[in-house]
Each structure stands twice: as structure tokens, then as C-alpha cells.
PDB file of N, CA and C in Angstrom:
ATOM      1  N   UNK A   1      56.079 225.177 147.420  1.00  0.00           N
ATOM      2  CA  UNK A   1      55.757 226.319 146.315  1.00  0.00           C
ATOM      3  C   UNK A   1      54.793 225.593 145.158  1.00  0.00           C
ATOM      4  N   UNK A   2      53.744 226.213 144.848  1.00  0.00           N
ATOM      5  CA  UNK A   2      52.998 225.657 143.792  1.00  0.00           C
ATOM      6  C   UNK A   2      53.630 225.567 142.479  1.00  0.00           C
ATOM      7  N   UNK A   3      53.209 224.821 141.712  1.00  0.00           N
ATOM      8  CA  UNK A   3      53.643 224.551 140.215  1.00  0.00           C
ATOM      9  C   UNK A   3      53.277 225.658 139.439  1.00  0.00           C
ATOM     10  N   UNK A   4      54.075 226.335 138.827  1.00  0.00           N
ATOM     11  CA  UNK A   4      53.884 227.496 137.872  1.00  0.00           C
ATOM     12  C   UNK A   4      52.745 227.069 136.923  1.00  0.00           C
ATOM     13  N   UNK A   5      51.697 227.860 136.739  1.00  0.00           N
ATOM     14  CA  UNK A   5      50.630 227.544 135.838  1.00  0.00           C
ATOM     15  C   UNK A   5      49.658 226.512 136.382  1.00  0.00           C
ATOM     16  N   UNK A   6      49.838 226.117 137.787  1.00  0.00           N
ATOM     17  CA  UNK A   6      48.938 225.235 138.293  1.00  0.00           C
ATOM     18  C   UNK A   6      47.546 225.910 138.587  1.00  0.00           C
ATOM     19  N   UNK A   7      46.658 225.173 139.053  1.00  0.00           N
ATOM     20  CA  UNK A   7      45.201 225.813 139.542  1.00  0.00           C
ATOM     21  C   UNK A   7      45.366 226.002 140.850  1.00  0.00           C
ATOM     22  N   UNK A   8      45.329 227.230 141.369  1.00  0.00           N
ATOM     23  CA  UNK A   8      45.299 227.503 142.892  1.00  0.00           C
ATOM     24  C   UNK A   8      44.124 227.021 143.619  1.00  0.00           C
ATOM     25  N   UNK A   9      43.064 226.827 142.978  1.00  0.00           N
ATOM     26  CA  UNK A   9      41.720 226.336 143.532  1.00  0.00           C
ATOM     27  C   UNK A   9      41.615 224.883 143.565  1.00  0.00           C
ATOM     28  N   UNK A  10      42.671 224.248 143.037  1.00  0.00           N
ATOM     29  CA  UNK A  10      42.533 222.689 143.044  1.00  0.00           C
ATOM     30  C   UNK A  10      42.616 222.285 144.502  1.00  0.00           C
ATOM     31  N   UNK A  11      41.478 221.431 144.920  1.00  0.00           N
ATOM     32  CA  UNK A  11      41.567 220.746 146.332  1.00  0.00           C
ATOM     33  C   UNK A  11      40.662 221.577 147.117  1.00  0.00           C
ATOM     34  N   UNK A  12      40.389 222.916 146.727  1.00  0.00           N
ATOM     35  CA  UNK A  12      39.737 223.604 147.743  1.00  0.00           C
ATOM     36  C   UNK A  12      38.136 223.970 146.956  1.00  0.00           C
ATOM     37  N   UNK A  13      38.402 224.609 145.887  1.00  0.00           N
ATOM     38  CA  UNK A  13      37.168 224.883 145.188  1.00  0.00           C
ATOM     39  C   UNK A  13      36.617 223.795 144.437  1.00  0.00           C
ATOM     40  N   UNK A  14      37.573 222.971 143.829  1.00  0.00           N
ATOM     41  CA  UNK A  14      37.211 221.962 142.933  1.00  0.00           C
ATOM     42  C   UNK A  14      37.382 220.692 143.717  1.00  0.00           C
ATOM     43  N   UNK A  15      36.386 220.138 144.663  1.00  0.00           N
ATOM     44  CA  UNK A  15      36.527 218.881 145.316  1.00  0.00           C
ATOM     45  C   UNK A  15      35.298 217.980 144.950  1.00  0.00           C
ATOM     46  N   UNK A  16      35.737 216.645 144.825  1.00  0.00           N
ATOM     47  CA  UNK A  16      34.630 215.873 144.424  1.00  0.00           C
ATOM     48  C   UNK A  16      33.727 215.484 145.574  1.00  0.00           C
ATOM     49  N   UNK A  17      32.442 215.535 145.362  1.00  0.00           N
ATOM     50  CA  UNK A  17      31.400 215.596 146.319  1.00  0.00           C
ATOM     51  C   UNK A  17      30.616 214.152 146.113  1.00  0.00           C
ATOM     52  N   UNK A  18      30.568 213.325 147.156  1.00  0.00           N
ATOM     53  CA  UNK A  18      30.072 212.002 146.979  1.00  0.00           C
ATOM     54  C   UNK A  18      28.480 212.299 147.540  1.00  0.00           C
ATOM     55  N   UNK A  19      28.010 213.349 147.957  1.00  0.00           N
ATOM     56  CA  UNK A  19      26.683 213.673 148.298  1.00  0.00           C
ATOM     57  C   UNK A  19      26.339 213.089 149.730  1.00  0.00           C
ATOM     58  N   UNK A  20      27.380 212.945 150.510  1.00  0.00           N
ATOM     59  CA  UNK A  20      27.094 212.578 151.824  1.00  0.00           C
ATOM     60  C   UNK A  20      26.921 213.675 152.890  1.00  0.00           C
ATOM     61  N   UNK A  21      26.282 213.431 153.845  1.00  0.00           N
ATOM     62  CA  UNK A  21      26.066 214.630 155.042  1.00  0.00           C
ATOM     63  C   UNK A  21      27.430 214.777 155.585  1.00  0.00           C
ATOM     64  N   UNK A  22      28.104 213.735 156.031  1.00  0.00           N
ATOM     65  CA  UNK A  22      29.414 214.004 156.562  1.00  0.00           C
ATOM     66  C   UNK A  22      30.508 213.333 155.844  1.00  0.00           C
ATOM     67  N   UNK A  23      31.621 213.970 155.674  1.00  0.00           N
ATOM     68  CA  UNK A  23      32.708 213.255 154.647  1.00  0.00           C
ATOM     69  C   UNK A  23      33.401 212.214 155.261  1.00  0.00           C
ATOM     70  N   UNK A  24      33.773 211.272 154.536  1.00  0.00           N
ATOM     71  CA  UNK A  24      34.420 210.046 154.883  1.00  0.00           C
ATOM     72  C   UNK A  24      35.948 210.584 155.186  1.00  0.00           C
ATOM     73  N   UNK A  25      36.429 210.482 156.237  1.00  0.00           N
ATOM     74  CA  UNK A  25      37.920 211.013 156.426  1.00  0.00           C
ATOM     75  C   UNK A  25      38.792 209.887 157.073  1.00  0.00           C
ATOM     76  N   UNK A  26      38.123 208.816 157.670  1.00  0.00           N
ATOM     77  CA  UNK A  26      39.109 207.612 158.165  1.00  0.00           C
ATOM     78  C   UNK A  26      39.127 206.562 157.485  1.00  0.00           C
ATOM     79  N   UNK A  27      40.034 205.772 157.668  1.00  0.00           N
ATOM     80  CA  UNK A  27      40.258 204.563 156.968  1.00  0.00           C
ATOM     81  C   UNK A  27      40.340 203.296 158.080  1.00  0.00           C
ATOM     82  N   UNK A  28      39.827 202.256 157.661  1.00  0.00           N
ATOM     83  CA  UNK A  28      40.009 200.993 158.334  1.00  0.00           C
ATOM     84  C   UNK A  28      40.292 199.851 157.323  1.00  0.00           C
ATOM     85  N   UNK A  29      41.294 199.236 157.689  1.00  0.00           N
ATOM     86  CA  UNK A  29      41.748 197.983 156.708  1.00  0.00           C
ATOM     87  C   UNK A  29      41.373 196.732 157.191  1.00  0.00           C
ATOM     88  N   UNK A  30      40.977 195.830 156.452  1.00  0.00           N
ATOM     89  CA  UNK A  30      40.582 194.360 156.785  1.00  0.00           C
ATOM     90  C   UNK A  30      41.027 193.381 155.842  1.00  0.00           C
ATOM     91  N   UNK A  31      41.712 192.454 156.289  1.00  0.00           N
ATOM     92  CA  UNK A  31      42.376 191.378 155.182  1.00  0.00           C
ATOM     93  C   UNK A  31      41.370 190.285 155.359  1.00  0.00           C
ATOM     94  N   UNK A  32      40.741 189.890 154.179  1.00  0.00           N
ATOM     95  CA  UNK A  32      39.718 188.858 153.973  1.00  0.00           C
ATOM     96  C   UNK A  32      40.195 187.727 153.066  1.00  0.00           C
ATOM     97  N   UNK A  33      39.573 186.586 153.102  1.00  0.00           N
ATOM     98  CA  UNK A  33      39.879 185.401 152.288  1.00  0.00           C
ATOM     99  C   UNK A  33      39.213 185.729 150.932  1.00  0.00           C
ATOM    100  N   UNK A  34      39.997 185.195 149.993  1.00  0.00           N
ATOM    101  CA  UNK A  34      39.558 185.470 148.665  1.00  0.00           C
ATOM    102  C   UNK A  34      37.937 185.226 148.372  1.00  0.00           C
ATOM    103  N   UNK A  35      37.423 184.037 148.746  1.00  0.00           N
ATOM    104  CA  UNK A  35      36.244 183.612 148.645  1.00  0.00           C
ATOM    105  C   UNK A  35      35.133 184.665 149.257  1.00  0.00           C
ATOM    106  N   UNK A  36      35.441 185.222 150.253  1.00  0.00           N
ATOM    107  CA  UNK A  36      34.725 186.336 150.932  1.00  0.00           C
ATOM    108  C   UNK A  36      34.756 187.738 150.073  1.00  0.00           C
ATOM    109  N   UNK A  37      35.884 187.960 149.392  1.00  0.00           N
ATOM    110  CA  UNK A  37      35.839 188.943 148.671  1.00  0.00           C
ATOM    111  C   UNK A  37      35.141 188.876 147.489  1.00  0.00           C
ATOM    112  N   UNK A  38      35.066 187.587 146.894  1.00  0.00           N
ATOM    113  CA  UNK A  38      34.143 187.465 145.693  1.00  0.00           C
ATOM    114  C   UNK A  38      32.708 187.401 145.960  1.00  0.00           C
ATOM    115  N   UNK A  39      32.329 187.054 147.237  1.00  0.00           N
ATOM    116  CA  UNK A  39      30.954 187.105 147.704  1.00  0.00           C
ATOM    117  C   UNK A  39      30.563 188.488 147.889  1.00  0.00           C
ATOM    118  N   UNK A  40      31.413 189.478 148.523  1.00  0.00           N
ATOM    119  CA  UNK A  40      31.216 190.860 148.644  1.00  0.00           C
ATOM    120  C   UNK A  40      31.035 191.548 147.346  1.00  0.00           C
ATOM    121  N   UNK A  41      31.677 191.150 146.351  1.00  0.00           N
ATOM    122  CA  UNK A  41      31.792 191.813 144.931  1.00  0.00           C
ATOM    123  C   UNK A  41      30.441 191.378 144.283  1.00  0.00           C
ATOM    124  N   UNK A  42      30.212 190.232 144.427  1.00  0.00           N
ATOM    125  CA  UNK A  42      28.865 189.781 143.816  1.00  0.00           C
ATOM    126  C   UNK A  42      27.620 190.425 144.481  1.00  0.00           C
ATOM    127  N   UNK A  43      27.681 190.443 145.731  1.00  0.00           N
ATOM    128  CA  UNK A  43      26.342 191.013 146.468  1.00  0.00           C
ATOM    129  C   UNK A  43      26.408 192.602 146.240  1.00  0.00           C
ATOM    130  N   UNK A  44      27.585 193.331 146.081  1.00  0.00           N
ATOM    131  CA  UNK A  44      27.554 194.568 145.650  1.00  0.00           C
ATOM    132  C   UNK A  44      26.956 194.941 144.225  1.00  0.00           C
ATOM    133  N   UNK A  45      27.253 193.944 143.374  1.00  0.00           N
ATOM    134  CA  UNK A  45      26.881 193.990 141.999  1.00  0.00           C
ATOM    135  C   UNK A  45      25.285 193.925 141.985  1.00  0.00           C
ATOM    136  N   UNK A  46      24.967 193.001 142.823  1.00  0.00           N
ATOM    137  CA  UNK A  46      23.445 192.757 142.820  1.00  0.00           C
ATOM    138  C   UNK A  46      22.617 193.938 143.398  1.00  0.00           C
ATOM    139  N   UNK A  47      23.219 194.447 144.378  1.00  0.00           N
ATOM    140  CA  UNK A  47      22.512 195.532 145.091  1.00  0.00           C
ATOM    141  C   UNK A  47      23.062 197.069 144.311  1.00  0.00           C
ATOM    142  N   UNK A  48      23.772 196.971 143.351  1.00  0.00           N
ATOM    143  CA  UNK A  48      24.209 198.173 142.627  1.00  0.00           C
ATOM    144  C   UNK A  48      24.760 199.182 143.540  1.00  0.00           C
ATOM    145  N   UNK A  49      25.814 198.828 144.262  1.00  0.00           N
ATOM    146  CA  UNK A  49      26.492 199.607 145.123  1.00  0.00           C
ATOM    147  C   UNK A  49      27.941 199.046 145.029  1.00  0.00           C
ATOM    148  N   UNK A  50      28.888 199.582 145.859  1.00  0.00           N
ATOM    149  CA  UNK A  50      30.185 199.178 145.903  1.00  0.00           C
ATOM    150  C   UNK A  50      30.405 198.447 147.249  1.00  0.00           C
ATOM    151  N   UNK A  51      31.413 197.683 147.228  1.00  0.00           N
ATOM    152  CA  UNK A  51      31.983 196.908 148.338  1.00  0.00           C
ATOM    153  C   UNK A  51      32.099 197.725 149.498  1.00  0.00           C
ATOM    154  N   UNK A  52      32.832 198.840 149.339  1.00  0.00           N
ATOM    155  CA  UNK A  52      33.030 199.609 150.650  1.00  0.00           C
ATOM    156  C   UNK A  52      31.635 200.198 151.245  1.00  0.00           C
ATOM    157  N   UNK A  53      30.728 200.470 150.412  1.00  0.00           N
ATOM    158  CA  UNK A  53      29.375 200.647 150.856  1.00  0.00           C
ATOM    159  C   UNK A  53      28.654 199.645 151.709  1.00  0.00           C
ATOM    160  N   UNK A  54      28.882 198.373 151.125  1.00  0.00           N
ATOM    161  CA  UNK A  54      28.291 197.307 151.909  1.00  0.00           C
ATOM    162  C   UNK A  54      28.881 197.137 153.230  1.00  0.00           C
ATOM    163  N   UNK A  55      30.290 197.340 153.194  1.00  0.00           N
ATOM    164  CA  UNK A  55      30.924 197.211 154.519  1.00  0.00           C
ATOM    165  C   UNK A  55      30.678 198.131 155.568  1.00  0.00           C
ATOM    166  N   UNK A  56      30.617 199.434 155.016  1.00  0.00           N
ATOM    167  CA  UNK A  56      30.116 200.572 155.914  1.00  0.00           C
ATOM    168  C   UNK A  56      28.833 200.182 156.553  1.00  0.00           C
ATOM    169  N   UNK A  57      27.845 199.775 155.628  1.00  0.00           N
ATOM    170  CA  UNK A  57      26.489 199.522 156.160  1.00  0.00           C
ATOM    171  C   UNK A  57      26.463 198.469 157.335  1.00  0.00           C
ATOM    172  N   UNK A  58      27.142 197.290 156.840  1.00  0.00           N
ATOM    173  CA  UNK A  58      27.289 196.150 157.852  1.00  0.00           C
ATOM    174  C   UNK A  58      27.921 196.579 159.308  1.00  0.00           C
ATOM    175  N   UNK A  59      28.994 197.388 159.224  1.00  0.00           N
ATOM    176  CA  UNK A  59      29.619 197.889 160.386  1.00  0.00           C
ATOM    177  C   UNK A  59      28.699 198.822 161.162  1.00  0.00           C
ATOM    178  N   UNK A  60      27.953 199.626 160.312  1.00  0.00           N
ATOM    179  CA  UNK A  60      26.921 200.463 161.163  1.00  0.00           C
ATOM    180  C   UNK A  60      25.907 199.596 161.929  1.00  0.00           C
ATOM    181  N   UNK A  61      25.338 198.744 161.042  1.00  0.00           N
ATOM    182  CA  UNK A  61      24.417 197.749 161.633  1.00  0.00           C
ATOM    183  C   UNK A  61      24.818 196.998 162.906  1.00  0.00           C
ATOM    184  N   UNK A  62      26.076 196.598 162.826  1.00  0.00           N
ATOM    185  CA  UNK A  62      26.648 195.972 163.938  1.00  0.00           C
ATOM    186  C   UNK A  62      26.806 196.923 165.041  1.00  0.00           C
ATOM    187  N   UNK A  63      27.532 198.069 164.942  1.00  0.00           N
ATOM    188  CA  UNK A  63      27.748 198.999 165.989  1.00  0.00           C
ATOM    189  C   UNK A  63      26.242 199.407 166.660  1.00  0.00           C
ATOM    190  N   UNK A  64      25.248 199.555 165.759  1.00  0.00           N
ATOM    191  CA  UNK A  64      23.948 200.048 166.401  1.00  0.00           C
ATOM    192  C   UNK A  64      23.409 198.887 167.329  1.00  0.00           C
ATOM    193  N   UNK A  65      23.804 197.595 166.839  1.00  0.00           N
ATOM    194  CA  UNK A  65      23.220 196.477 167.576  1.00  0.00           C
ATOM    195  C   UNK A  65      23.791 196.184 168.893  1.00  0.00           C
ATOM    196  N   UNK A  66      25.181 196.371 169.109  1.00  0.00           N
ATOM    197  CA  UNK A  66      26.087 196.222 170.310  1.00  0.00           C
ATOM    198  C   UNK A  66      26.111 197.461 171.266  1.00  0.00           C
ATOM    199  N   UNK A  67      25.468 198.559 170.673  1.00  0.00           N
ATOM    200  CA  UNK A  67      25.438 199.797 171.405  1.00  0.00           C
ATOM    201  C   UNK A  67      24.282 199.898 172.490  1.00  0.00           C
TER     202      UNK A  67
END
């Protein structure tokens, strides 16, 4: 049952849009060394993006190369 006074459109009408063609719905977890994480953070800052964006791009390039 919904909370009294809550917004019934929350999660349906009011969704955050990342501007992607397809929504990101799946998760993959990778455990890395601290040095690797720092390198990823630095590279993401230089490219003005996020670490997950870098990883998605790298995975896409890898999968395209092996396919």
C-alpha cells in the first residue's frame, strides 16, 4: 500500500533520464587494485566523464574486437 500523501506518479511519470537510446538495466561488478581505480578516476576526470562510462566504452570496444 502506498504511503498516504505520497506521489502516485513517482517512478513512472517522474524518472531520471540519462539521455541514452537504451536504458541501462544490468549490472556487472569487478574488483580492481587501488592503483587501477586511481588511474581510472584520473582518466575519467581528464576526459570529463565518469569511471562507469570509461568501463562501458572499454567493454564495448573489447566485445566489438572479439566478435
